[in-house]
N, C-alpha and C. Protein backbone atom coordinates (compact mmCIF):
# COMPACT_ATOMS: atom_id res chain seq x y z
N MET A 1 82.17 133.32 62.31
CA MET A 1 81.92 132.45 61.19
C MET A 1 80.41 132.42 60.96
N GLU A 2 80.00 132.72 59.75
CA GLU A 2 78.59 132.71 59.37
C GLU A 2 78.30 131.42 58.62
N ILE A 3 77.35 130.63 59.14
CA ILE A 3 77.05 129.33 58.56
C ILE A 3 75.59 129.28 58.13
N LYS A 4 75.36 128.85 56.91
CA LYS A 4 74.01 128.67 56.38
C LYS A 4 73.91 127.22 55.90
N VAL A 5 72.87 126.53 56.35
CA VAL A 5 72.66 125.13 56.00
C VAL A 5 71.33 124.99 55.29
N TYR A 6 71.37 124.43 54.10
CA TYR A 6 70.16 124.11 53.37
C TYR A 6 69.87 122.63 53.59
N THR A 7 68.68 122.33 54.05
CA THR A 7 68.31 120.96 54.38
C THR A 7 67.05 120.55 53.64
N SER A 8 66.80 119.26 53.69
CA SER A 8 65.61 118.68 53.08
C SER A 8 64.88 117.89 54.16
N PRO A 9 63.55 117.92 54.20
CA PRO A 9 62.81 117.19 55.22
C PRO A 9 63.14 115.69 55.19
N GLY A 10 63.39 115.13 56.37
CA GLY A 10 63.66 113.70 56.50
C GLY A 10 65.06 113.27 56.10
N CYS A 11 65.94 114.21 55.86
CA CYS A 11 67.31 113.92 55.40
C CYS A 11 68.21 113.52 56.58
N PHE A 12 68.70 112.28 56.56
CA PHE A 12 69.58 111.77 57.61
C PHE A 12 70.87 112.59 57.70
N TYR A 13 71.49 112.87 56.57
CA TYR A 13 72.75 113.60 56.57
C TYR A 13 72.57 115.05 57.05
N CYS A 14 71.40 115.60 56.82
CA CYS A 14 71.10 116.95 57.31
C CYS A 14 71.08 116.96 58.83
N THR A 15 70.48 115.93 59.41
CA THR A 15 70.47 115.80 60.87
C THR A 15 71.88 115.66 61.40
N GLN A 16 72.70 114.89 60.71
CA GLN A 16 74.08 114.67 61.14
C GLN A 16 74.91 115.95 61.07
N VAL A 17 74.74 116.76 60.03
CA VAL A 17 75.52 118.00 59.94
C VAL A 17 75.10 118.98 61.04
N LYS A 18 73.82 118.98 61.38
CA LYS A 18 73.37 119.85 62.47
C LYS A 18 73.95 119.38 63.81
N GLU A 19 74.06 118.07 64.00
CA GLU A 19 74.70 117.52 65.20
C GLU A 19 76.18 117.91 65.24
N LEU A 20 76.82 117.90 64.09
CA LEU A 20 78.23 118.30 64.00
C LEU A 20 78.41 119.74 64.45
N PHE A 21 77.53 120.63 63.99
CA PHE A 21 77.61 122.02 64.42
C PHE A 21 77.34 122.16 65.92
N LYS A 22 76.45 121.34 66.43
CA LYS A 22 76.16 121.36 67.87
C LYS A 22 77.41 120.95 68.65
N ARG A 23 78.08 119.86 68.21
CA ARG A 23 79.32 119.42 68.87
C ARG A 23 80.38 120.51 68.85
N ALA A 24 80.44 121.25 67.76
CA ALA A 24 81.43 122.32 67.62
C ALA A 24 80.99 123.61 68.30
N GLU A 25 79.76 123.59 68.84
CA GLU A 25 79.17 124.77 69.49
C GLU A 25 79.13 125.97 68.54
N LEU A 26 78.70 125.69 67.31
CA LEU A 26 78.58 126.73 66.29
C LEU A 26 77.12 127.00 65.99
N GLU A 27 76.78 128.25 65.86
CA GLU A 27 75.43 128.63 65.47
C GLU A 27 75.35 128.63 63.96
N TYR A 28 74.16 128.33 63.45
CA TYR A 28 73.95 128.28 62.02
C TYR A 28 72.52 128.69 61.71
N GLU A 29 72.33 129.10 60.47
CA GLU A 29 70.98 129.42 59.98
C GLU A 29 70.57 128.28 59.06
N GLU A 30 69.37 127.76 59.30
CA GLU A 30 68.88 126.64 58.49
C GLU A 30 67.75 127.10 57.58
N SER A 31 67.80 126.67 56.34
CA SER A 31 66.71 126.87 55.39
C SER A 31 66.28 125.50 54.89
N VAL A 32 65.01 125.19 55.07
CA VAL A 32 64.48 123.91 54.62
C VAL A 32 64.01 124.06 53.17
N ILE A 33 64.53 123.20 52.31
CA ILE A 33 64.16 123.23 50.90
C ILE A 33 63.11 122.14 50.66
N ASN A 34 61.99 122.57 50.09
CA ASN A 34 60.90 121.64 49.79
C ASN A 34 60.44 121.87 48.35
N GLU A 35 59.37 121.26 47.98
CA GLU A 35 58.89 121.38 46.59
C GLU A 35 58.55 122.83 46.22
N THR A 36 58.12 123.61 47.19
CA THR A 36 57.74 125.00 46.94
C THR A 36 58.93 125.87 46.56
N ASN A 37 60.08 125.66 47.19
CA ASN A 37 61.23 126.55 46.96
C ASN A 37 62.43 125.84 46.31
N LYS A 38 62.23 124.60 45.86
CA LYS A 38 63.34 123.83 45.28
C LYS A 38 63.88 124.47 43.99
N ALA A 39 63.01 124.94 43.12
CA ALA A 39 63.46 125.53 41.85
C ALA A 39 64.31 126.79 42.10
N GLU A 40 63.89 127.60 43.03
CA GLU A 40 64.65 128.81 43.37
C GLU A 40 66.03 128.44 43.94
N PHE A 41 66.06 127.43 44.80
CA PHE A 41 67.34 126.96 45.37
C PHE A 41 68.26 126.45 44.27
N ARG A 42 67.74 125.61 43.38
CA ARG A 42 68.54 125.03 42.30
C ARG A 42 69.07 126.11 41.35
N ALA A 43 68.27 127.16 41.13
CA ALA A 43 68.72 128.26 40.27
C ALA A 43 69.87 129.04 40.93
N LYS A 44 69.77 129.21 42.24
CA LYS A 44 70.79 129.97 42.98
C LYS A 44 72.07 129.16 43.18
N TYR A 45 71.93 127.83 43.39
CA TYR A 45 73.07 126.96 43.65
C TYR A 45 73.04 125.74 42.72
N PRO A 46 73.34 125.94 41.45
CA PRO A 46 73.23 124.83 40.48
C PRO A 46 74.21 123.68 40.75
N LEU A 47 75.28 123.92 41.47
CA LEU A 47 76.24 122.86 41.76
C LEU A 47 75.85 122.02 42.97
N ALA A 48 74.82 122.43 43.69
CA ALA A 48 74.35 121.66 44.84
C ALA A 48 73.57 120.45 44.33
N VAL A 49 74.14 119.29 44.54
CA VAL A 49 73.51 118.08 44.00
C VAL A 49 72.79 117.26 45.07
N SER A 50 73.01 117.57 46.34
CA SER A 50 72.37 116.81 47.40
C SER A 50 72.26 117.68 48.66
N PHE A 51 71.65 117.11 49.67
CA PHE A 51 71.49 117.81 50.94
C PHE A 51 72.20 117.03 52.04
N PRO A 52 72.73 117.74 53.03
CA PRO A 52 72.67 119.17 53.22
C PRO A 52 73.62 119.89 52.26
N PHE A 53 73.40 121.16 52.10
CA PHE A 53 74.29 122.02 51.34
C PHE A 53 74.69 123.15 52.28
N VAL A 54 75.99 123.28 52.54
CA VAL A 54 76.49 124.20 53.55
C VAL A 54 77.28 125.33 52.92
N LEU A 55 77.05 126.54 53.43
CA LEU A 55 77.85 127.71 53.09
C LEU A 55 78.51 128.20 54.38
N ILE A 56 79.79 128.47 54.32
CA ILE A 56 80.49 129.08 55.44
C ILE A 56 81.07 130.40 54.95
N ASP A 57 80.67 131.46 55.61
CA ASP A 57 81.06 132.82 55.20
C ASP A 57 80.77 133.05 53.72
N ASN A 58 79.58 132.61 53.30
CA ASN A 58 79.05 132.75 51.94
C ASN A 58 79.82 131.96 50.88
N GLU A 59 80.70 131.06 51.30
CA GLU A 59 81.43 130.21 50.36
C GLU A 59 80.83 128.81 50.39
N PRO A 60 80.46 128.26 49.24
CA PRO A 60 79.92 126.90 49.21
C PRO A 60 80.95 125.89 49.72
N VAL A 61 80.53 125.05 50.64
CA VAL A 61 81.39 124.03 51.22
C VAL A 61 81.04 122.67 50.64
N GLY A 62 79.76 122.35 50.60
CA GLY A 62 79.31 121.05 50.14
C GLY A 62 78.42 120.42 51.18
N GLY A 63 78.56 119.10 51.35
CA GLY A 63 77.70 118.37 52.26
C GLY A 63 78.36 118.05 53.59
N LEU A 64 77.89 116.98 54.21
CA LEU A 64 78.35 116.58 55.53
C LEU A 64 79.84 116.29 55.57
N VAL A 65 80.34 115.50 54.66
CA VAL A 65 81.75 115.10 54.69
C VAL A 65 82.67 116.31 54.50
N GLU A 66 82.35 117.14 53.55
CA GLU A 66 83.19 118.33 53.29
C GLU A 66 83.16 119.28 54.49
N THR A 67 82.00 119.42 55.10
CA THR A 67 81.86 120.28 56.28
C THR A 67 82.67 119.73 57.43
N ALA A 68 82.58 118.42 57.66
CA ALA A 68 83.34 117.79 58.75
C ALA A 68 84.84 117.99 58.54
N ARG A 69 85.30 117.84 57.32
CA ARG A 69 86.73 118.04 57.04
C ARG A 69 87.19 119.45 57.41
N ILE A 70 86.39 120.43 57.06
CA ILE A 70 86.75 121.82 57.37
C ILE A 70 86.78 122.04 58.87
N LEU A 71 85.77 121.53 59.58
CA LEU A 71 85.72 121.74 61.03
C LEU A 71 86.86 121.02 61.75
N VAL A 72 87.24 119.84 61.27
CA VAL A 72 88.39 119.14 61.85
C VAL A 72 89.67 119.93 61.57
N LYS A 73 89.83 120.38 60.34
CA LYS A 73 91.02 121.15 59.95
C LYS A 73 91.18 122.42 60.78
N ARG A 74 90.05 123.05 61.09
CA ARG A 74 90.07 124.28 61.90
C ARG A 74 90.15 123.99 63.40
N GLY A 75 90.15 122.71 63.77
CA GLY A 75 90.25 122.34 65.17
C GLY A 75 88.98 122.55 65.97
N LEU A 76 87.84 122.65 65.28
CA LEU A 76 86.58 122.90 65.97
C LEU A 76 85.90 121.62 66.43
N VAL A 77 86.22 120.50 65.82
CA VAL A 77 85.78 119.17 66.26
C VAL A 77 86.95 118.22 66.09
N SER A 78 86.84 117.09 66.74
CA SER A 78 87.89 116.07 66.66
C SER A 78 87.45 114.98 65.70
N ALA A 79 88.40 114.36 65.05
CA ALA A 79 88.10 113.24 64.16
C ALA A 79 87.78 111.99 64.98
N LYS A 80 88.13 112.00 66.27
CA LYS A 80 87.84 110.87 67.16
C LYS A 80 86.41 110.90 67.58
N LYS A 81 85.84 109.74 67.87
CA LYS A 81 84.45 109.65 68.30
C LYS A 81 84.30 110.01 69.74
């Protein structure tokens, strides 16, 4: 599974999605989006409205909640705390 995570500096949900991948023992590639590269990111992913923005196997997933749902469905993490 190839995972790419686009994050924003200081983003709480970005930290949480990275913790989720850690719990699932999944490796991911992170790209930090800042003022310098924000326009390029928005042009490439116009439907990305917030951070984090996750791609799994080059398919847009969405943010933290959508990513968690997929990982639970695949049995990679538990819905229990």
